[in-house]
Amino acid sequence: MHASFPILSALILLPILGAVLITIISNKHLEIVKLVAMLFSIGVGGMSIWLLASFKTDDSGFQYVSQHDWVTSWGISWHLGVDGVSLFLVVLTGILFPLVILGVDPHHDHKRYLAWLLLLEAGVMGSFLSLDLFLFFVFFEIVLVPMYFLIGKWGYDQRIYAATKFFIYTMAGSAFMLVGIVATAFLAKRDIGHLSFDLIEIAEKSNFATGTGRWLFVGFVIAFAVKVPLFPLHTWLPDAHTQAPTGGSVILAGVLLKMGTYGMLRFGVYLFPEAAVWAKPVLLTLAVIGIIYGAIAATMQKDLKRLVAYSSVAHLGFIVLGTFALTNQAITGGVMQMVNHGISTGALFLMVGMIYERRHTRVIAELKGIQAVAPIFAGFFMLIMLSSIGLPGLNGFVGEFLILIGSFPTSRWWVVAATTGVILAALYLLWAYQRVFHGEPDEANKSFAEITKREAMLLSVFVAAIVFTGVYPKPMLNRIEPSVKSLLEHVESHSNYKQPEIKAGE
């Protein structure tokens, strides 16, 4: 489906235009800078919601496709499209950025901060919408620069170390992907007849030798495993999260990490189905280790923000488990969980930031009895934390349940091991809540301010998404499932893999 208005191009170009405008405006006019950032990010958010509303649920292919030649001699094109897999990630990006711009104060140099944020939004949008390998790589790399500066300039004490570590890790991963992309395009030339970086054309027409496909798959997956981050490539994440400013952490947890899990699905499984089936045991094992390790490491943390960061390692392990279980339910649950994690953990980071603004500490031992002085604040935190645990009736449950139930037929023992992660998540999050919010507040915590109207309105957006998706996930599932089904049909037709049939009543 093609749109008359190039809405996907607008979703990328509008924040870039906003960032350029902000850099032009004088430092003296800070109110105008904030207004421009707000207007442009709300404009992108509005378009992403319109995209959601007008998305055809019965179409499993790419919609609103925009395709223009770019570097013709190399077969590189401006090729954008959205399907059920990328739709909610686009909407999440569109909603998360205005909330961060509205709700988080960077405290200094607002102008540069907002310009970097808008450029970051453009990069993330481009990564989720690109259907050209080269174009995807460009946006994947663009994201690095604003995030590096956001951590390095507006972060906490060890921000330079954390930003550098984040940059080096991600760059090293991207180098593997660049080699993979170039090799894929040149090797696919034999089957296609001309040089092309077009994702759909390569996936549908090329026929890589088994060994070749596996090597190429490994190149892509290393880059995405760093981004996710998958165990043992995860060590940059707790540092980056802990040192990043609150807005940076929300964006990092909300959408940046999803570029890794989305990439695995879109570029790993779709381009190299046989290799994905071959690598499945290794990736499932690493995912399960990540789930258990992330949960145990989170239990050990003294810093509240670092605890939430390690919980991300565990949650993203679940998404990778769902992706490589290769069943309709598991992948649908994985896609859903990408969005759910973005909402729940993004909101948790936002609330940890609010605690820091009030108490200037994130050390769990120094926080106590907050529930007694700020009950509404504690209520919000409790609900968001329960969604992260996966309480029935909230968003986290639906995704995790689908992943576990969908993975069981093909990956039984991995699922059994992963379930321990669910129990551990409840343990470390409830224990953290008990230490921070229960008990009698000491002198330092007696003056802890209750939640403001602005903060409550901001968090209410997250809570509404958490409760609505938890109670009524059908609209979301209806849009994701057709694309997942089509992807798995593609995997089955290009490998010897057959999905197990689950009959009613079994």
Protein backbone atom coordinates (compact mmCIF):
# COMPACT_ATOMS: atom_id res chain seq x y z
CA MET A 1 0.00 0.00 0.00
CA HIS A 2 1.34 3.40 -1.07
CA ALA A 3 0.25 6.63 0.55
CA SER A 4 -0.38 9.84 -1.39
CA PHE A 5 1.26 11.86 1.42
CA PRO A 6 4.76 10.53 2.20
CA ILE A 7 3.97 10.11 5.90
CA LEU A 8 6.92 7.80 6.65
CA SER A 9 9.43 10.22 5.15
CA ALA A 10 7.77 13.01 7.16
CA LEU A 11 8.21 11.00 10.39
CA ILE A 12 11.99 11.04 9.78
CA LEU A 13 12.47 14.46 8.19
CA LEU A 14 10.29 16.48 10.58
CA PRO A 15 12.48 15.94 13.69
CA ILE A 16 15.62 16.68 11.58
CA LEU A 17 14.03 19.96 10.49
CA GLY A 18 13.16 20.69 14.15
CA ALA A 19 16.77 20.04 15.23
CA VAL A 20 18.09 22.38 12.49
CA LEU A 21 15.65 25.13 13.52
CA ILE A 22 16.67 24.83 17.17
CA THR A 23 20.37 25.23 16.32
CA ILE A 24 19.56 28.42 14.35
CA ILE A 25 17.50 30.06 17.14
CA SER A 26 19.52 32.28 19.50
CA ASN A 27 20.31 31.12 23.05
CA LYS A 28 18.47 34.17 24.33
CA HIS A 29 15.12 32.76 23.21
CA LEU A 30 14.96 29.63 25.32
CA GLU A 31 11.12 29.60 25.42
CA ILE A 32 11.00 29.51 21.62
CA VAL A 33 13.55 26.65 21.56
CA LYS A 34 11.38 24.61 23.94
CA LEU A 35 8.24 25.44 21.98
CA VAL A 36 9.81 24.38 18.64
CA ALA A 37 11.05 21.09 20.15
CA MET A 38 7.62 20.48 21.64
CA LEU A 39 5.70 21.28 18.45
CA PHE A 40 7.89 19.13 16.22
CA SER A 41 7.89 16.13 18.56
CA ILE A 42 4.09 16.39 19.08
CA GLY A 43 3.69 16.63 15.27
CA VAL A 44 5.65 13.37 14.87
CA GLY A 45 3.64 11.78 17.72
CA GLY A 46 0.35 12.86 16.09
CA MET A 47 1.38 11.38 12.72
CA SER A 48 2.41 8.10 14.34
CA ILE A 49 -1.03 7.86 16.04
CA TRP A 50 -2.73 8.61 12.70
CA LEU A 51 -0.61 5.82 11.19
CA LEU A 52 -1.86 3.47 13.89
CA ALA A 53 -5.48 4.46 13.37
CA SER A 54 -5.42 4.06 9.58
CA PHE A 55 -3.27 0.86 9.53
CA LYS A 56 -5.06 -2.01 7.76
CA THR A 57 -5.24 -5.01 10.07
CA ASP A 58 -5.86 -7.53 7.29
CA ASP A 59 -2.72 -6.59 5.33
CA SER A 60 0.35 -8.63 6.30
CA GLY A 61 2.69 -6.75 3.94
CA PHE A 62 4.32 -3.32 4.18
CA GLN A 63 2.00 -0.31 4.13
CA TYR A 64 2.50 3.39 3.27
CA VAL A 65 5.55 2.38 1.24
CA SER A 66 7.75 5.21 0.04
CA GLN A 67 10.43 4.28 -2.52
CA HIS A 68 12.77 6.62 -4.40
CA ASP A 69 16.12 6.02 -6.08
CA TRP A 70 19.01 7.40 -4.09
CA VAL A 71 22.37 6.06 -5.30
CA THR A 72 21.19 4.35 -8.48
CA SER A 73 24.54 2.89 -9.57
CA TRP A 74 24.81 1.02 -6.26
CA GLY A 75 21.18 -0.03 -6.08
CA ILE A 76 20.63 2.04 -2.89
CA SER A 77 17.16 3.54 -2.52
CA TRP A 78 15.13 5.57 -0.05
CA HIS A 79 12.79 2.69 0.75
CA LEU A 80 10.49 2.96 3.74
CA GLY A 81 7.55 0.85 4.86
CA VAL A 82 5.70 -0.16 8.00
CA ASP A 83 4.13 -3.51 8.92
CA GLY A 84 2.70 -5.11 12.07
CA VAL A 85 6.19 -5.75 13.45
CA SER A 86 7.42 -2.16 13.23
CA LEU A 87 4.10 -0.29 13.66
CA PHE A 88 3.97 -0.15 17.46
CA LEU A 89 7.67 0.61 17.75
CA VAL A 90 7.09 3.64 15.50
CA VAL A 91 4.10 4.71 17.63
CA LEU A 92 6.10 4.18 20.85
CA THR A 93 8.91 6.38 19.46
CA GLY A 94 6.37 9.03 18.41
CA ILE A 95 4.80 9.17 21.90
CA LEU A 96 7.91 8.72 24.07
CA PHE A 97 9.93 11.66 22.74
CA PRO A 98 7.33 14.43 23.40
CA LEU A 99 6.80 12.99 26.91
CA VAL A 100 10.56 13.18 27.59
CA ILE A 101 10.81 16.70 26.15
CA LEU A 102 7.81 17.82 28.21
CA GLY A 103 8.56 16.02 31.44
CA VAL A 104 12.33 15.96 31.95
CA ASP A 105 14.44 19.00 32.69
CA PRO A 106 18.09 18.68 31.54
CA HIS A 107 19.05 21.55 33.92
CA HIS A 108 21.59 23.14 31.57
CA ASP A 109 22.16 23.86 27.86
CA HIS A 110 18.56 23.17 26.88
CA LYS A 111 19.12 24.16 23.28
CA ARG A 112 21.73 21.52 22.41
CA TYR A 113 19.95 18.90 24.50
CA LEU A 114 16.69 19.33 22.59
CA ALA A 115 18.47 19.43 19.20
CA TRP A 116 20.23 16.13 19.99
CA LEU A 117 16.95 14.60 21.17
CA LEU A 118 15.16 15.46 17.92
CA LEU A 119 18.06 14.12 15.83
CA LEU A 120 17.92 10.95 17.93
CA GLU A 121 14.19 10.64 17.21
CA ALA A 122 14.85 10.89 13.46
CA GLY A 123 17.53 8.15 13.66
CA VAL A 124 15.29 5.80 15.65
CA MET A 125 12.32 6.35 13.31
CA GLY A 126 14.53 5.75 10.28
CA SER A 127 15.84 2.48 11.77
CA PHE A 128 12.30 1.13 12.30
CA LEU A 129 11.05 2.22 8.87
CA SER A 130 14.00 1.44 6.54
CA LEU A 131 13.56 -1.37 4.02
CA ASP A 132 16.95 -0.76 2.42
CA LEU A 133 19.99 -2.30 4.09
CA PHE A 134 22.27 0.67 3.46
CA LEU A 135 19.63 3.16 4.58
CA PHE A 136 19.03 1.14 7.75
CA PHE A 137 22.76 1.17 8.49
CA VAL A 138 22.90 4.97 8.07
CA PHE A 139 20.09 5.50 10.58
CA PHE A 140 21.44 2.82 12.92
CA GLU A 141 24.72 4.76 13.07
CA ILE A 142 23.10 8.21 13.29
CA VAL A 143 21.53 7.16 16.57
CA LEU A 144 24.95 6.67 18.15
CA VAL A 145 26.03 10.31 17.93
CA PRO A 146 23.17 12.06 19.80
CA MET A 147 23.09 9.32 22.44
CA TYR A 148 26.84 9.66 22.98
CA PHE A 149 26.50 13.41 23.56
CA LEU A 150 23.37 13.08 25.71
CA ILE A 151 25.16 10.68 28.08
CA GLY A 152 28.53 12.48 27.88
CA LYS A 153 27.27 16.03 28.47
CA TRP A 154 24.09 15.72 30.58
CA GLY A 155 24.86 12.53 32.53
CA TYR A 156 26.20 11.96 36.04
CA ASP A 157 29.71 11.65 37.58
CA GLN A 158 31.19 8.95 35.33
CA ARG A 159 29.34 10.03 32.21
CA ILE A 160 32.38 10.27 29.91
CA TYR A 161 33.42 6.69 30.73
CA ALA A 162 29.88 5.39 30.17
CA ALA A 163 29.38 7.33 26.91
CA THR A 164 32.73 6.15 25.51
CA LYS A 165 32.00 2.54 26.48
CA PHE A 166 28.57 2.72 24.83
CA PHE A 167 30.07 4.21 21.66
CA ILE A 168 32.95 1.72 21.35
CA TYR A 169 30.75 -1.33 21.94
CA THR A 170 28.09 -0.26 19.48
CA MET A 171 30.61 0.83 16.84
CA ALA A 172 32.43 -2.50 17.07
CA GLY A 173 29.11 -4.30 16.57
CA SER A 174 28.19 -2.06 13.65
CA ALA A 175 31.48 -2.85 11.88
CA PHE A 176 30.39 -6.50 11.68
CA MET A 177 27.02 -5.44 10.30
CA LEU A 178 28.55 -3.17 7.64
CA VAL A 179 30.69 -6.06 6.35
CA GLY A 180 27.56 -8.27 6.47
CA ILE A 181 25.46 -5.73 4.52
CA VAL A 182 28.04 -5.21 1.76
CA ALA A 183 28.69 -8.97 1.44
CA THR A 184 24.94 -9.72 1.38
CA ALA A 185 24.29 -7.20 -1.41
CA PHE A 186 27.20 -8.41 -3.57
CA LEU A 187 26.45 -12.11 -3.07
CA ALA A 188 22.75 -11.62 -3.77
CA LYS A 189 23.63 -9.90 -7.07
CA ARG A 190 24.04 -13.33 -8.73
CA ASP A 191 20.42 -14.30 -7.97
CA ILE A 192 18.81 -10.89 -8.45
CA GLY A 193 20.72 -9.92 -11.60
CA HIS A 194 21.78 -6.47 -10.38
CA LEU A 195 23.29 -4.87 -7.28
CA SER A 196 20.56 -4.11 -4.76
CA PHE A 197 20.40 -3.24 -1.07
CA ASP A 198 16.62 -3.67 -1.04
CA LEU A 199 15.62 -5.83 1.93
CA ILE A 200 12.52 -7.39 0.37
CA GLU A 201 14.20 -8.08 -2.98
CA ILE A 202 17.20 -9.80 -1.32
CA ALA A 203 15.00 -11.79 1.08
CA GLU A 204 12.61 -13.01 -1.61
CA LYS A 205 14.94 -13.59 -4.58
CA SER A 206 18.38 -14.55 -3.25
CA ASN A 207 19.40 -18.07 -2.48
CA PHE A 208 22.59 -18.08 -0.38
CA ALA A 209 24.66 -21.23 0.07
CA THR A 210 24.13 -22.69 3.54
CA GLY A 211 27.58 -21.78 4.88
CA THR A 212 27.48 -18.29 3.33
CA GLY A 213 24.07 -17.51 4.79
CA ARG A 214 25.25 -18.58 8.24
CA TRP A 215 28.34 -16.40 8.15
CA LEU A 216 26.32 -13.39 7.01
CA PHE A 217 23.73 -14.04 9.71
CA VAL A 218 26.46 -14.11 12.37
CA GLY A 219 27.74 -10.69 11.15
CA PHE A 220 24.28 -9.13 11.53
CA VAL A 221 23.46 -10.84 14.80
CA ILE A 222 26.69 -9.69 16.53
CA ALA A 223 25.73 -6.06 15.81
CA PHE A 224 22.21 -6.57 17.09
CA ALA A 225 23.33 -8.62 20.11
CA VAL A 226 25.47 -5.65 21.24
CA LYS A 227 22.50 -3.33 20.80
CA VAL A 228 19.99 -5.55 22.64
CA PRO A 229 22.32 -6.20 24.64
CA LEU A 230 22.50 -9.99 24.77
CA PHE A 231 24.66 -11.75 27.37
CA PRO A 232 27.82 -11.55 27.39
CA LEU A 233 27.82 -8.31 25.39
CA HIS A 234 25.69 -6.46 27.91
CA THR A 235 28.31 -4.81 30.12
CA TRP A 236 27.94 -1.34 28.54
CA LEU A 237 24.24 -1.10 29.39
CA PRO A 238 24.24 -0.77 33.23
CA ASP A 239 26.97 1.90 32.96
CA ALA A 240 25.18 3.79 30.18
CA HIS A 241 21.84 3.70 32.02
CA THR A 242 23.28 4.67 35.40
CA GLN A 243 25.22 7.63 34.04
CA ALA A 244 22.72 8.82 31.42
CA PRO A 245 20.39 11.74 32.24
CA THR A 246 16.81 10.72 33.02
CA GLY A 247 15.55 11.57 29.51
CA GLY A 248 18.44 9.60 27.96
CA SER A 249 17.63 6.55 30.11
CA VAL A 250 13.94 6.64 29.18
CA ILE A 251 14.76 6.77 25.46
CA LEU A 252 17.54 4.20 25.76
CA ALA A 253 15.27 1.68 27.53
CA GLY A 254 12.17 2.66 25.58
CA VAL A 255 13.26 2.45 21.98
CA LEU A 256 17.03 2.29 21.50
CA LEU A 257 17.51 -1.26 22.81
CA LYS A 258 14.58 -2.38 20.61
CA MET A 259 16.61 -1.57 17.53
CA GLY A 260 18.61 -4.71 18.41
CA THR A 261 15.64 -7.05 18.91
CA TYR A 262 13.80 -5.55 15.93
CA GLY A 263 16.95 -5.94 13.79
CA MET A 264 17.24 -9.62 14.72
CA LEU A 265 13.70 -10.21 13.53
CA ARG A 266 13.65 -7.97 10.48
CA PHE A 267 17.16 -8.52 9.16
CA GLY A 268 18.34 -11.73 10.85
CA VAL A 269 15.35 -14.07 10.62
CA TYR A 270 13.83 -12.56 7.44
CA LEU A 271 17.05 -12.42 5.38
CA PHE A 272 18.61 -15.70 6.56
CA PRO A 273 15.84 -18.09 7.62
CA GLU A 274 17.99 -21.22 7.40
CA ALA A 275 20.77 -19.63 9.47
CA ALA A 276 18.22 -18.43 12.05
CA VAL A 277 16.97 -22.01 12.49
CA TRP A 278 20.59 -23.25 12.69
CA ALA A 279 21.63 -20.65 15.30
CA LYS A 280 18.45 -21.07 17.34
CA PRO A 281 19.88 -23.25 20.19
CA VAL A 282 22.83 -20.89 20.78
CA LEU A 283 20.68 -17.75 20.79
CA LEU A 284 18.04 -19.32 23.03
CA THR A 285 20.75 -20.39 25.49
CA LEU A 286 22.29 -16.87 25.57
CA ALA A 287 18.79 -15.37 25.99
CA VAL A 288 18.02 -17.61 28.97
CA ILE A 289 21.44 -16.95 30.56
CA GLY A 290 20.70 -13.22 30.10
CA ILE A 291 17.28 -13.61 31.80
CA ILE A 292 18.71 -15.38 34.86
CA TYR A 293 21.97 -13.37 35.05
CA GLY A 294 20.14 -10.02 34.66
CA ALA A 295 17.74 -10.96 37.43
CA ILE A 296 20.46 -12.14 39.85
CA ALA A 297 22.64 -9.08 39.10
CA ALA A 298 19.63 -6.80 39.69
CA THR A 299 19.10 -8.36 43.13
CA MET A 300 22.69 -7.38 44.08
CA GLN A 301 22.45 -3.70 43.17
CA LYS A 302 22.71 -0.88 45.69
CA ASP A 303 21.77 1.83 43.15
CA LEU A 304 18.06 1.90 42.21
CA LYS A 305 18.75 3.02 38.64
CA ARG A 306 21.33 0.28 38.14
CA LEU A 307 18.80 -2.27 39.41
CA VAL A 308 16.29 -1.17 36.75
CA ALA A 309 19.10 -1.32 34.14
CA TYR A 310 19.86 -4.96 34.97
CA SER A 311 16.14 -5.75 34.83
CA SER A 312 16.31 -4.62 31.18
CA VAL A 313 18.97 -7.26 30.46
CA ALA A 314 16.54 -9.89 31.81
CA HIS A 315 13.49 -8.54 29.95
CA LEU A 316 15.30 -8.32 26.64
CA GLY A 317 16.42 -11.93 27.11
CA PHE A 318 12.71 -12.81 27.04
CA ILE A 319 12.22 -10.96 23.76
CA VAL A 320 15.16 -12.81 22.13
CA LEU A 321 13.73 -16.10 23.47
CA GLY A 322 10.39 -15.32 21.80
CA THR A 323 12.06 -14.26 18.54
CA PHE A 324 14.06 -17.45 18.08
CA ALA A 325 11.44 -19.88 19.36
CA LEU A 326 10.04 -19.35 15.82
CA THR A 327 6.33 -19.85 16.48
CA ASN A 328 3.49 -17.41 15.78
CA GLN A 329 2.64 -16.91 19.43
CA ALA A 330 6.22 -16.53 20.63
CA ILE A 331 7.23 -13.95 18.01
CA THR A 332 3.94 -12.02 18.45
CA GLY A 333 4.62 -12.00 22.21
CA GLY A 334 8.21 -10.87 21.54
CA VAL A 335 7.07 -7.93 19.36
CA MET A 336 4.48 -7.00 21.95
CA GLN A 337 7.02 -7.24 24.75
CA MET A 338 9.36 -4.85 22.90
CA VAL A 339 6.66 -2.21 23.23
CA ASN A 340 5.59 -3.23 26.76
CA HIS A 341 9.15 -3.08 28.06
CA GLY A 342 9.58 0.34 26.49
CA ILE A 343 6.50 1.63 28.31
CA SER A 344 7.08 0.00 31.72
CA THR A 345 10.85 0.40 32.02
CA GLY A 346 10.76 3.87 30.43
CA ALA A 347 8.26 4.90 33.14
CA LEU A 348 10.41 3.28 35.88
CA PHE A 349 13.46 5.28 34.77
CA LEU A 350 11.31 8.40 34.74
CA MET A 351 10.26 7.76 38.34
CA VAL A 352 13.80 6.96 39.49
CA GLY A 353 14.76 10.34 37.95
CA MET A 354 11.98 12.00 39.99
CA ILE A 355 13.31 10.35 43.17
CA TYR A 356 16.82 11.65 42.36
CA GLU A 357 15.50 15.20 41.73
CA ARG A 358 13.97 15.18 45.23
CA ARG A 359 16.65 13.37 47.23
CA HIS A 360 19.82 13.73 45.11
CA THR A 361 20.63 10.08 45.73
CA ARG A 362 19.69 6.76 44.12
CA VAL A 363 21.27 4.56 46.81
CA ILE A 364 18.54 2.19 48.02
CA ALA A 365 19.88 2.15 51.61
CA GLU A 366 19.48 5.96 51.84
CA LEU A 367 15.83 5.89 50.73
CA LYS A 368 13.21 4.73 53.21
CA GLY A 369 9.55 5.18 54.08
CA ILE A 370 8.64 7.25 51.01
CA GLN A 371 5.14 5.71 50.96
CA ALA A 372 4.29 7.42 54.27
CA VAL A 373 5.05 10.93 52.96
CA ALA A 374 4.18 10.50 49.25
CA PRO A 375 1.45 7.81 48.92
CA ILE A 376 0.31 8.79 45.39
CA PHE A 377 3.91 8.72 44.14
CA ALA A 378 4.34 5.27 45.74
CA GLY A 379 1.07 4.09 44.11
CA PHE A 380 2.29 5.07 40.64
CA PHE A 381 5.64 3.36 41.27
CA MET A 382 3.91 0.20 42.53
CA LEU A 383 1.65 -0.11 39.48
CA ILE A 384 4.50 0.46 36.98
CA MET A 385 6.72 -1.97 38.85
CA LEU A 386 3.98 -4.65 38.84
CA SER A 387 3.65 -4.25 35.07
CA SER A 388 7.41 -4.84 34.79
CA ILE A 389 7.06 -8.02 36.93
CA GLY A 390 4.26 -9.21 34.60
CA LEU A 391 1.19 -9.11 36.85
CA PRO A 392 -1.99 -10.42 35.11
CA GLY A 393 -4.18 -7.54 33.99
CA LEU A 394 -1.17 -5.37 33.10
CA ASN A 395 0.76 -5.16 29.81
CA GLY A 396 3.87 -7.15 30.82
CA PHE A 397 1.84 -10.27 31.51
CA VAL A 398 0.36 -10.56 28.01
CA GLY A 399 3.73 -10.43 26.23
CA GLU A 400 5.58 -12.73 28.66
CA PHE A 401 2.73 -15.24 28.68
CA LEU A 402 2.63 -15.38 24.88
CA ILE A 403 6.43 -15.81 24.72
CA LEU A 404 6.41 -18.67 27.26
CA ILE A 405 3.36 -20.47 25.85
CA GLY A 406 4.55 -20.01 22.25
CA SER A 407 8.13 -21.12 22.97
CA PHE A 408 7.14 -24.23 24.94
CA PRO A 409 6.41 -26.55 21.95
CA THR A 410 9.81 -25.88 20.28
CA SER A 411 12.07 -24.93 23.19
CA ARG A 412 10.72 -26.71 26.27
CA TRP A 413 13.77 -26.76 28.53
CA TRP A 414 14.72 -23.18 27.73
CA VAL A 415 11.24 -22.08 28.76
CA VAL A 416 11.49 -23.98 32.05
CA ALA A 417 14.79 -22.20 32.78
CA ALA A 418 13.39 -18.82 31.69
CA THR A 419 10.44 -19.13 34.05
CA THR A 420 12.87 -18.83 36.98
CA GLY A 421 13.61 -15.34 35.64
CA VAL A 422 9.94 -14.41 36.12
CA ILE A 423 10.11 -15.47 39.78
CA LEU A 424 13.41 -13.63 40.33
CA ALA A 425 11.97 -10.46 38.73
CA ALA A 426 9.23 -10.44 41.32
CA LEU A 427 11.83 -10.97 44.03
CA TYR A 428 14.23 -8.11 43.21
CA LEU A 429 11.57 -5.54 42.26
CA LEU A 430 9.34 -6.18 45.29
CA TRP A 431 12.37 -6.20 47.58
CA ALA A 432 13.54 -2.89 46.12
CA TYR A 433 10.04 -1.46 46.61
CA GLN A 434 9.93 -2.65 50.20
CA ARG A 435 13.27 -1.03 51.06
CA VAL A 436 12.57 2.30 49.32
CA PHE A 437 8.89 2.86 50.13
CA HIS A 438 8.02 0.92 53.31
CA GLY A 439 9.05 1.59 56.90
CA GLU A 440 9.33 4.81 58.84
CA PRO A 441 10.94 7.71 56.92
CA ASP A 442 14.11 9.12 58.50
CA GLU A 443 14.89 12.83 58.69
CA ALA A 444 16.19 13.08 55.14
CA ASN A 445 13.12 11.37 53.63
CA LYS A 446 10.45 13.13 55.72
CA SER A 447 10.56 16.13 53.37
CA PHE A 448 10.11 13.93 50.21
CA ALA A 449 7.67 15.90 48.04
CA GLU A 450 4.45 14.34 46.78
CA ILE A 451 3.97 13.93 43.04
CA THR A 452 3.14 17.21 41.19
CA LYS A 453 0.20 17.61 38.78
CA ARG A 454 2.57 17.76 35.81
CA GLU A 455 4.36 14.54 36.86
CA ALA A 456 1.04 12.79 37.51
CA MET A 457 -0.27 13.74 34.04
CA LEU A 458 2.95 12.55 32.46
CA LEU A 459 2.87 9.19 34.26
CA SER A 460 -0.85 8.78 33.58
CA VAL A 461 -0.04 8.36 29.85
CA PHE A 462 2.22 5.41 30.72
CA VAL A 463 -0.30 3.96 33.19
CA ALA A 464 -3.14 4.21 30.65
CA ALA A 465 -1.06 2.27 28.09
CA ILE A 466 -0.08 -0.31 30.75
CA VAL A 467 -3.66 -0.98 31.89
CA PHE A 468 -5.34 -0.80 28.46
CA THR A 469 -2.88 -3.24 26.85
CA GLY A 470 -3.08 -5.56 29.86
CA VAL A 471 -6.87 -5.70 29.89
CA TYR A 472 -7.54 -5.51 26.16
CA PRO A 473 -4.53 -6.57 24.03
CA LYS A 474 -6.69 -7.53 21.03
CA PRO A 475 -6.21 -4.33 18.92
CA MET A 476 -2.45 -4.71 19.28
CA LEU A 477 -2.41 -8.43 18.53
CA ASN A 478 -4.68 -7.99 15.48
CA ARG A 479 -2.10 -5.70 13.88
CA ILE A 480 1.00 -7.71 14.80
CA GLU A 481 -0.17 -11.26 14.02
CA PRO A 482 -0.64 -11.08 10.20
CA SER A 483 2.93 -9.79 9.68
CA VAL A 484 4.38 -12.43 12.04
CA LYS A 485 2.44 -15.16 10.24
CA SER A 486 3.76 -13.96 6.88
CA LEU A 487 7.34 -13.87 8.27
CA LEU A 488 7.10 -17.45 9.54
CA GLU A 489 5.68 -18.63 6.20
CA HIS A 490 8.74 -17.07 4.58
CA VAL A 491 11.02 -18.93 7.07
CA GLU A 492 9.26 -22.24 6.34
CA SER A 493 9.49 -21.80 2.57
CA HIS A 494 13.22 -20.91 2.68
CA SER A 495 14.40 -23.57 5.18
CA ASN A 496 13.50 -27.08 6.28
CA TYR A 497 11.82 -25.70 9.42
CA LYS A 498 8.18 -26.51 10.11
CA GLN A 499 6.28 -24.85 12.91
CA PRO A 500 4.68 -27.36 15.31
CA GLU A 501 0.91 -27.46 14.93
CA ILE A 502 -0.90 -26.74 18.15
CA LYS A 503 -4.39 -28.26 17.95
CA ALA A 504 -7.26 -26.99 20.01
CA GLY A 505 -7.80 -29.07 23.13
CA GLU A 506 -4.14 -30.09 23.48
